[in-house]
Amino acid sequence: HINNQYVRHGELDLNEFFTIVDLT
């Protein structure tokens, strides 16, 4: 899902923009 604390500076950083939550 989207990381709502991410602030863009320059090129979009997918690893910072997205949050991965392990639901296993």
PDB file of all heavy atoms in Angstrom:
ATOM      1  N   HIS A   1       0.838  -1.199   0.000  1.00  0.00           N
ATOM      2  CA  HIS A   1       0.000   0.000   0.000  1.00  0.00           C
ATOM      3  C   HIS A   1       0.875   1.252   0.000  1.00  0.00           C
ATOM      4  O   HIS A   1       2.105   1.188   0.135  1.00  0.00           O
ATOM      5  CB  HIS A   1      -0.982   0.004   1.175  1.00  0.00           C
ATOM      6  CG  HIS A   1      -0.358   0.186   2.528  1.00  0.00           C
ATOM      7  ND1 HIS A   1       0.037   1.399   3.020  1.00  0.00           N
ATOM      8  CD2 HIS A   1      -0.072  -0.717   3.507  1.00  0.00           C
ATOM      9  CE1 HIS A   1       0.536   1.266   4.225  1.00  0.00           C
ATOM     10  NE2 HIS A   1       0.492  -0.026   4.555  1.00  0.00           N
ATOM     11  N   ILE A   2       0.244   2.395  -0.157  1.00  0.00           N
ATOM     12  CA  ILE A   2       0.969   3.659  -0.269  1.00  0.00           C
ATOM     13  C   ILE A   2       1.424   4.141   1.108  1.00  0.00           C
ATOM     14  O   ILE A   2       0.669   4.091   2.083  1.00  0.00           O
ATOM     15  CB  ILE A   2       0.082   4.724  -0.940  1.00  0.00           C
ATOM     16  CG1 ILE A   2      -0.201   4.334  -2.397  1.00  0.00           C
ATOM     17  CG2 ILE A   2       0.724   6.101  -0.882  1.00  0.00           C
ATOM     18  CD1 ILE A   2      -1.210   5.243  -3.086  1.00  0.00           C
ATOM     19  N   ASN A   3       2.656   4.613   1.163  1.00  0.00           N
ATOM     20  CA  ASN A   3       3.202   5.220   2.376  1.00  0.00           C
ATOM     21  C   ASN A   3       2.842   6.703   2.371  1.00  0.00           C
ATOM     22  O   ASN A   3       3.427   7.492   1.618  1.00  0.00           O
ATOM     23  CB  ASN A   3       4.724   5.027   2.401  1.00  0.00           C
ATOM     24  CG  ASN A   3       5.399   5.843   3.501  1.00  0.00           C
ATOM     25  OD1 ASN A   3       4.759   6.252   4.466  1.00  0.00           O
ATOM     26  ND2 ASN A   3       6.695   6.087   3.334  1.00  0.00           N
ATOM     27  N   ASN A   4       1.891   7.083   3.203  1.00  0.00           N
ATOM     28  CA  ASN A   4       1.421   8.475   3.164  1.00  0.00           C
ATOM     29  C   ASN A   4       2.395   9.461   3.803  1.00  0.00           C
ATOM     30  O   ASN A   4       2.143  10.672   3.812  1.00  0.00           O
ATOM     31  CB  ASN A   4       0.035   8.606   3.794  1.00  0.00           C
ATOM     32  CG  ASN A   4      -0.001   8.227   5.255  1.00  0.00           C
ATOM     33  OD1 ASN A   4       1.020   7.862   5.843  1.00  0.00           O
ATOM     34  ND2 ASN A   4      -1.175   8.314   5.862  1.00  0.00           N
ATOM     35  N   GLN A   5       3.517   8.972   4.344  1.00  0.00           N
ATOM     36  CA  GLN A   5       4.543   9.866   4.897  1.00  0.00           C
ATOM     37  C   GLN A   5       5.651  10.163   3.887  1.00  0.00           C
ATOM     38  O   GLN A   5       6.534  10.979   4.161  1.00  0.00           O
ATOM     39  CB  GLN A   5       5.159   9.232   6.152  1.00  0.00           C
ATOM     40  CG  GLN A   5       4.158   9.023   7.283  1.00  0.00           C
ATOM     41  CD  GLN A   5       3.435  10.302   7.655  1.00  0.00           C
ATOM     42  OE1 GLN A   5       4.063  11.316   7.961  1.00  0.00           O
ATOM     43  NE2 GLN A   5       2.113  10.273   7.626  1.00  0.00           N
ATOM     44  N   TYR A   6       5.576   9.527   2.741  1.00  0.00           N
ATOM     45  CA  TYR A   6       6.602   9.746   1.717  1.00  0.00           C
ATOM     46  C   TYR A   6       6.480  11.157   1.134  1.00  0.00           C
ATOM     47  O   TYR A   6       5.390  11.619   0.800  1.00  0.00           O
ATOM     48  CB  TYR A   6       6.444   8.710   0.607  1.00  0.00           C
ATOM     49  CG  TYR A   6       7.304   8.970  -0.613  1.00  0.00           C
ATOM     50  CD1 TYR A   6       8.683   8.822  -0.561  1.00  0.00           C
ATOM     51  CD2 TYR A   6       6.730   9.373  -1.817  1.00  0.00           C
ATOM     52  CE1 TYR A   6       9.467   9.049  -1.678  1.00  0.00           C
ATOM     53  CE2 TYR A   6       7.506   9.597  -2.940  1.00  0.00           C
ATOM     54  CZ  TYR A   6       8.875   9.443  -2.864  1.00  0.00           C
ATOM     55  OH  TYR A   6       9.652   9.676  -3.977  1.00  0.00           O
ATOM     56  N   VAL A   7       7.616  11.840   1.046  1.00  0.00           N
ATOM     57  CA  VAL A   7       7.658  13.161   0.426  1.00  0.00           C
ATOM     58  C   VAL A   7       8.575  13.066  -0.787  1.00  0.00           C
ATOM     59  O   VAL A   7       9.731  12.647  -0.670  1.00  0.00           O
ATOM     60  CB  VAL A   7       8.187  14.238   1.399  1.00  0.00           C
ATOM     61  CG1 VAL A   7       8.220  15.598   0.702  1.00  0.00           C
ATOM     62  CG2 VAL A   7       7.320  14.291   2.649  1.00  0.00           C
ATOM     63  N   ARG A   8       8.064  13.453  -1.913  1.00  0.00           N
ATOM     64  CA  ARG A   8       8.856  13.319  -3.140  1.00  0.00           C
ATOM     65  C   ARG A   8       9.932  14.390  -3.220  1.00  0.00           C
ATOM     66  O   ARG A   8       9.689  15.572  -2.979  1.00  0.00           O
ATOM     67  CB  ARG A   8       7.954  13.403  -4.373  1.00  0.00           C
ATOM     68  CG  ARG A   8       8.718  13.252  -5.679  1.00  0.00           C
ATOM     69  CD  ARG A   8       7.815  13.028  -6.861  1.00  0.00           C
ATOM     70  NE  ARG A   8       8.590  12.778  -8.072  1.00  0.00           N
ATOM     71  CZ  ARG A   8       8.091  12.290  -9.193  1.00  0.00           C
ATOM     72  NH1 ARG A   8       6.796  11.994  -9.280  1.00  0.00           N
ATOM     73  NH2 ARG A   8       8.851  12.088 -10.246  1.00  0.00           N
ATOM     74  N   HIS A   9      11.125  13.938  -3.594  1.00  0.00           N
ATOM     75  CA  HIS A   9      12.235  14.838  -3.922  1.00  0.00           C
ATOM     76  C   HIS A   9      12.949  14.224  -5.117  1.00  0.00           C
ATOM     77  O   HIS A   9      13.607  13.201  -4.992  1.00  0.00           O
ATOM     78  CB  HIS A   9      13.202  14.987  -2.741  1.00  0.00           C
ATOM     79  CG  HIS A   9      12.600  15.625  -1.535  1.00  0.00           C
ATOM     80  ND1 HIS A   9      12.249  16.954  -1.486  1.00  0.00           N
ATOM     81  CD2 HIS A   9      12.267  15.110  -0.321  1.00  0.00           C
ATOM     82  CE1 HIS A   9      11.738  17.237  -0.296  1.00  0.00           C
ATOM     83  NE2 HIS A   9      11.724  16.130   0.423  1.00  0.00           N
ATOM     84  N   GLY A  10      12.780  14.842  -6.262  1.00  0.00           N
ATOM     85  CA  GLY A  10      13.393  14.290  -7.468  1.00  0.00           C
ATOM     86  C   GLY A  10      12.595  13.109  -8.002  1.00  0.00           C
ATOM     87  O   GLY A  10      11.366  13.096  -7.955  1.00  0.00           O
ATOM     88  N   GLU A  11      13.311  12.101  -8.511  1.00  0.00           N
ATOM     89  CA  GLU A  11      12.653  10.931  -9.082  1.00  0.00           C
ATOM     90  C   GLU A  11      11.863  10.178  -8.010  1.00  0.00           C
ATOM     91  O   GLU A  11      12.279  10.115  -6.851  1.00  0.00           O
ATOM     92  CB  GLU A  11      13.684   9.984  -9.713  1.00  0.00           C
ATOM     93  CG  GLU A  11      14.337  10.532 -10.980  1.00  0.00           C
ATOM     94  CD  GLU A  11      13.336  10.767 -12.090  1.00  0.00           C
ATOM     95  OE1 GLU A  11      12.491   9.872 -12.322  1.00  0.00           O
ATOM     96  OE2 GLU A  11      13.384  11.848 -12.716  1.00  0.00           O
ATOM     97  N   LEU A  12      10.748   9.603  -8.441  1.00  0.00           N
ATOM     98  CA  LEU A  12       9.926   8.830  -7.521  1.00  0.00           C
ATOM     99  C   LEU A  12      10.686   7.596  -7.053  1.00  0.00           C
ATOM    100  O   LEU A  12      11.239   6.846  -7.852  1.00  0.00           O
ATOM    101  CB  LEU A  12       8.635   8.407  -8.231  1.00  0.00           C
ATOM    102  CG  LEU A  12       7.515   7.864  -7.353  1.00  0.00           C
ATOM    103  CD1 LEU A  12       6.917   8.988  -6.506  1.00  0.00           C
ATOM    104  CD2 LEU A  12       6.432   7.225  -8.208  1.00  0.00           C
ATOM    105  N   ASP A  13      10.733   7.379  -5.748  1.00  0.00           N
ATOM    106  CA  ASP A  13      11.417   6.230  -5.149  1.00  0.00           C
ATOM    107  C   ASP A  13      10.356   5.200  -4.772  1.00  0.00           C
ATOM    108  O   ASP A  13       9.642   5.352  -3.769  1.00  0.00           O
ATOM    109  CB  ASP A  13      12.206   6.683  -3.914  1.00  0.00           C
ATOM    110  CG  ASP A  13      13.056   5.569  -3.313  1.00  0.00           C
ATOM    111  OD1 ASP A  13      12.701   4.394  -3.486  1.00  0.00           O
ATOM    112  OD2 ASP A  13      14.065   5.889  -2.650  1.00  0.00           O
ATOM    113  N   LEU A  14      10.235   4.137  -5.574  1.00  0.00           N
ATOM    114  CA  LEU A  14       9.189   3.146  -5.340  1.00  0.00           C
ATOM    115  C   LEU A  14       9.322   2.488  -3.979  1.00  0.00           C
ATOM    116  O   LEU A  14       8.318   2.182  -3.326  1.00  0.00           O
ATOM    117  CB  LEU A  14       9.216   2.075  -6.437  1.00  0.00           C
ATOM    118  CG  LEU A  14       8.840   2.517  -7.852  1.00  0.00           C
ATOM    119  CD1 LEU A  14       8.740   1.298  -8.772  1.00  0.00           C
ATOM    120  CD2 LEU A  14       7.523   3.278  -7.858  1.00  0.00           C
ATOM    121  N   ASN A  15      10.544   2.246  -3.536  1.00  0.00           N
ATOM    122  CA  ASN A  15      10.747   1.572  -2.251  1.00  0.00           C
ATOM    123  C   ASN A  15      10.322   2.434  -1.072  1.00  0.00           C
ATOM    124  O   ASN A  15       9.989   1.910  -0.004  1.00  0.00           O
ATOM    125  CB  ASN A  15      12.211   1.152  -2.098  1.00  0.00           C
ATOM    126  CG  ASN A  15      12.597   0.069  -3.085  1.00  0.00           C
ATOM    127  OD1 ASN A  15      11.899  -0.932  -3.208  1.00  0.00           O
ATOM    128  ND2 ASN A  15      13.688   0.268  -3.813  1.00  0.00           N
ATOM    129  N   GLU A  16      10.352   3.739  -1.267  1.00  0.00           N
ATOM    130  CA  GLU A  16       9.888   4.653  -0.220  1.00  0.00           C
ATOM    131  C   GLU A  16       8.397   4.953  -0.376  1.00  0.00           C
ATOM    132  O   GLU A  16       7.681   5.130   0.614  1.00  0.00           O
ATOM    133  CB  GLU A  16      10.684   5.957  -0.264  1.00  0.00           C
ATOM    134  CG  GLU A  16      12.140   5.802   0.133  1.00  0.00           C
ATOM    135  CD  GLU A  16      12.301   5.412   1.600  1.00  0.00           C
ATOM    136  OE1 GLU A  16      11.467   5.852   2.417  1.00  0.00           O
ATOM    137  OE2 GLU A  16      13.240   4.658   1.912  1.00  0.00           O
ATOM    138  N   PHE A  17       7.946   5.003  -1.609  1.00  0.00           N
ATOM    139  CA  PHE A  17       6.542   5.326  -1.884  1.00  0.00           C
ATOM    140  C   PHE A  17       5.614   4.212  -1.411  1.00  0.00           C
ATOM    141  O   PHE A  17       4.527   4.471  -0.886  1.00  0.00           O
ATOM    142  CB  PHE A  17       6.357   5.564  -3.381  1.00  0.00           C
ATOM    143  CG  PHE A  17       4.932   5.783  -3.802  1.00  0.00           C
ATOM    144  CD1 PHE A  17       4.265   6.949  -3.458  1.00  0.00           C
ATOM    145  CD2 PHE A  17       4.256   4.831  -4.543  1.00  0.00           C
ATOM    146  CE1 PHE A  17       2.951   7.157  -3.842  1.00  0.00           C
ATOM    147  CE2 PHE A  17       2.942   5.023  -4.939  1.00  0.00           C
ATOM    148  CZ  PHE A  17       2.284   6.188  -4.583  1.00  0.00           C
ATOM    149  N   PHE A  18       6.036   2.973  -1.584  1.00  0.00           N
ATOM    150  CA  PHE A  18       5.217   1.832  -1.178  1.00  0.00           C
ATOM    151  C   PHE A  18       5.656   1.269   0.174  1.00  0.00           C
ATOM    152  O   PHE A  18       6.838   1.281   0.506  1.00  0.00           O
ATOM    153  CB  PHE A  18       5.290   0.712  -2.220  1.00  0.00           C
ATOM    154  CG  PHE A  18       4.526   0.997  -3.482  1.00  0.00           C
ATOM    155  CD1 PHE A  18       5.202   1.193  -4.683  1.00  0.00           C
ATOM    156  CD2 PHE A  18       3.142   1.055  -3.484  1.00  0.00           C
ATOM    157  CE1 PHE A  18       4.506   1.439  -5.855  1.00  0.00           C
ATOM    158  CE2 PHE A  18       2.437   1.307  -4.649  1.00  0.00           C
ATOM    159  CZ  PHE A  18       3.118   1.500  -5.836  1.00  0.00           C
ATOM    160  N   THR A  19       4.681   0.783   0.905  1.00  0.00           N
ATOM    161  CA  THR A  19       4.926   0.036   2.137  1.00  0.00           C
ATOM    162  C   THR A  19       4.475  -1.403   1.913  1.00  0.00           C
ATOM    163  O   THR A  19       3.370  -1.633   1.398  1.00  0.00           O
ATOM    164  CB  THR A  19       4.143   0.641   3.317  1.00  0.00           C
ATOM    165  OG1 THR A  19       4.644   1.951   3.588  1.00  0.00           O
ATOM    166  CG2 THR A  19       4.293  -0.212   4.571  1.00  0.00           C
ATOM    167  N   ILE A  20       5.307  -2.348   2.277  1.00  0.00           N
ATOM    168  CA  ILE A  20       4.961  -3.760   2.140  1.00  0.00           C
ATOM    169  C   ILE A  20       4.690  -4.332   3.527  1.00  0.00           C
ATOM    170  O   ILE A  20       5.545  -4.259   4.420  1.00  0.00           O
ATOM    171  CB  ILE A  20       6.080  -4.550   1.448  1.00  0.00           C
ATOM    172  CG1 ILE A  20       6.350  -3.983   0.051  1.00  0.00           C
ATOM    173  CG2 ILE A  20       5.720  -6.033   1.359  1.00  0.00           C
ATOM    174  CD1 ILE A  20       7.522  -4.636  -0.663  1.00  0.00           C
ATOM    175  N   VAL A  21       3.502  -4.879   3.716  1.00  0.00           N
ATOM    176  CA  VAL A  21       3.100  -5.436   5.008  1.00  0.00           C
ATOM    177  C   VAL A  21       2.966  -6.954   4.847  1.00  0.00           C
ATOM    178  O   VAL A  21       2.175  -7.440   4.030  1.00  0.00           O
ATOM    179  CB  VAL A  21       1.764  -4.841   5.487  1.00  0.00           C
ATOM    180  CG1 VAL A  21       1.375  -5.421   6.851  1.00  0.00           C
ATOM    181  CG2 VAL A  21       1.848  -3.320   5.552  1.00  0.00           C
ATOM    182  N   ASP A  22       3.731  -7.693   5.625  1.00  0.00           N
ATOM    183  CA  ASP A  22       3.698  -9.153   5.571  1.00  0.00           C
ATOM    184  C   ASP A  22       2.452  -9.656   6.312  1.00  0.00           C
ATOM    185  O   ASP A  22       2.328  -9.487   7.522  1.00  0.00           O
ATOM    186  CB  ASP A  22       4.968  -9.722   6.209  1.00  0.00           C
ATOM    187  CG  ASP A  22       5.117 -11.219   5.991  1.00  0.00           C
ATOM    188  OD1 ASP A  22       4.101 -11.881   5.711  1.00  0.00           O
ATOM    189  OD2 ASP A  22       6.248 -11.729   6.112  1.00  0.00           O
ATOM    190  N   LEU A  23       1.545 -10.271   5.568  1.00  0.00           N
ATOM    191  CA  LEU A  23       0.304 -10.780   6.149  1.00  0.00           C
ATOM    192  C   LEU A  23       0.272 -12.307   6.170  1.00  0.00           C
ATOM    193  O   LEU A  23      -0.797 -12.902   6.309  1.00  0.00           O
ATOM    194  CB  LEU A  23      -0.904 -10.261   5.347  1.00  0.00           C
ATOM    195  CG  LEU A  23      -1.146  -8.754   5.330  1.00  0.00           C
ATOM    196  CD1 LEU A  23      -2.367  -8.432   4.480  1.00  0.00           C
ATOM    197  CD2 LEU A  23      -1.319  -8.207   6.736  1.00  0.00           C
ATOM    198  N   THR A  24       1.436 -12.921   6.037  1.00  0.00           N
ATOM    199  CA  THR A  24       1.468 -14.382   5.897  1.00  0.00           C
ATOM    200  C   THR A  24       0.795 -15.086   7.070  1.00  0.00           C
ATOM    201  O   THR A  24      -0.052 -15.974   6.871  1.00  0.00           O
ATOM    202  CB  THR A  24       2.927 -14.870   5.763  1.00  0.00           C
ATOM    203  OG1 THR A  24       3.581 -14.120   4.731  1.00  0.00           O
ATOM    204  CG2 THR A  24       2.957 -16.342   5.390  1.00  0.00           C
TER     205      THR A  24
END
